Amino acid sequence: MKEAGPVFILVGNNCHKAYEREVSKEEGHALARRYGCEFFEASAATAQNVERVFANLIRLLRQARIRNRVDPGAPAPIQKEKKTNCVVM
């Protein structure tokens, strides 16, 4: 996916701790709009929205791949040595 460029999703964690909230949903959505990405609240403890975050990330990666393939004016990808590492942040 390097040739398609980075894909970002802003994820607020620990949404199950509503009483300890430090950032409002509105602030999260506003920051995501500013960066041009999607915003989700998730909780690993309760599994809330975890699958949804990853499903949307995959959808965005696929859309980026299709856009890159369809764009005839896009520069050809640079062939580099393939690495086997994958980083999900």
Protein backbone atom coordinates (compact mmCIF):
# COMPACT_ATOMS: atom_id res chain seq x y z
CA MET A 1 0.00 0.00 0.00
CA LYS A 2 3.02 2.29 0.06
CA GLU A 3 2.32 3.54 -3.43
CA ALA A 4 -1.25 4.52 -2.45
CA GLY A 5 -0.11 6.72 0.44
CA PRO A 6 -0.97 6.52 4.12
CA VAL A 7 -4.48 5.95 5.40
CA PHE A 8 -5.48 7.35 8.79
CA ILE A 9 -8.30 6.72 11.25
CA LEU A 10 -8.51 8.60 14.54
CA VAL A 11 -9.54 6.26 17.37
CA GLY A 12 -10.47 7.36 20.87
CA ASN A 13 -9.81 4.54 23.32
CA ASN A 14 -11.44 3.46 26.58
CA CYS A 15 -14.89 4.63 25.51
CA HIS A 16 -16.35 2.30 28.15
CA LYS A 17 -15.08 4.74 30.81
CA ALA A 18 -17.52 7.55 30.00
CA TYR A 19 -17.27 8.95 33.52
CA GLU A 20 -13.50 9.45 33.11
CA ARG A 21 -13.77 11.15 29.70
CA GLU A 22 -11.04 13.72 28.97
CA VAL A 23 -11.94 14.42 25.33
CA SER A 24 -15.51 14.84 24.11
CA LYS A 25 -16.91 13.06 21.06
CA GLU A 26 -17.34 16.45 19.43
CA GLU A 27 -13.63 17.23 19.92
CA GLY A 28 -12.71 13.87 18.40
CA HIS A 29 -14.93 14.44 15.37
CA ALA A 30 -13.60 17.99 14.94
CA LEU A 31 -9.99 16.80 15.02
CA ALA A 32 -10.76 14.02 12.53
CA ARG A 33 -12.43 16.54 10.19
CA ARG A 34 -9.37 18.77 10.47
CA TYR A 35 -7.10 15.89 9.47
CA GLY A 36 -9.51 14.57 6.84
CA CYS A 37 -10.00 11.16 8.41
CA GLU A 38 -12.68 9.11 10.14
CA PHE A 39 -13.21 9.08 13.91
CA PHE A 40 -14.26 6.15 16.08
CA GLU A 41 -14.45 5.53 19.78
CA ALA A 42 -13.45 2.03 20.82
CA SER A 43 -12.73 -0.09 23.85
CA ALA A 44 -10.46 -3.11 23.89
CA ALA A 45 -11.83 -4.01 27.33
CA THR A 46 -15.41 -4.40 26.07
CA ALA A 47 -14.56 -4.98 22.38
CA GLN A 48 -16.82 -2.05 21.48
CA ASN A 49 -16.17 -0.88 17.88
CA VAL A 50 -12.86 -2.79 17.62
CA GLU A 51 -13.96 -4.84 14.61
CA ARG A 52 -15.62 -1.78 13.09
CA VAL A 53 -12.35 0.19 13.26
CA PHE A 54 -10.39 -2.55 11.51
CA ALA A 55 -13.14 -3.17 8.94
CA ASN A 56 -13.18 0.53 8.05
CA LEU A 57 -9.39 0.64 7.88
CA ILE A 58 -9.43 -2.27 5.42
CA ARG A 59 -12.17 -0.54 3.38
CA LEU A 60 -10.09 2.66 3.20
CA LEU A 61 -6.97 0.71 2.18
CA ARG A 62 -8.88 -1.03 -0.59
CA GLN A 63 -10.32 2.27 -1.83
CA ALA A 64 -6.83 3.79 -1.87
CA ARG A 65 -5.51 0.82 -3.85
CA ILE A 66 -8.32 1.11 -6.41
CA ARG A 67 -7.82 4.88 -6.75
CA ASN A 68 -4.11 4.36 -7.31
CA ARG A 69 -4.71 1.70 -9.97
CA VAL A 70 -7.33 3.75 -11.81
CA ASP A 71 -5.31 6.97 -11.93
CA PRO A 72 -3.32 6.78 -15.21
CA GLY A 73 -1.42 9.96 -14.35
CA ALA A 74 -0.02 8.53 -11.14
CA PRO A 75 3.72 7.90 -11.14
CA ALA A 76 4.80 4.30 -11.37
CA PRO A 77 5.56 2.79 -7.97
CA ILE A 78 9.21 2.54 -7.03
CA GLN A 79 10.30 -1.05 -6.78
CA LYS A 80 12.07 -1.63 -3.49
CA GLU A 81 13.14 -4.65 -1.55
CA LYS A 82 10.04 -6.14 0.05
CA LYS A 83 9.92 -6.18 3.82
CA THR A 84 7.83 -8.58 5.83
CA ASN A 85 7.06 -6.18 8.68
CA CYS A 86 3.61 -4.68 9.15
CA VAL A 87 2.91 -1.95 11.68
CA VAL A 88 -0.59 -1.13 12.91
CA MET A 89 -0.76 1.89 15.18
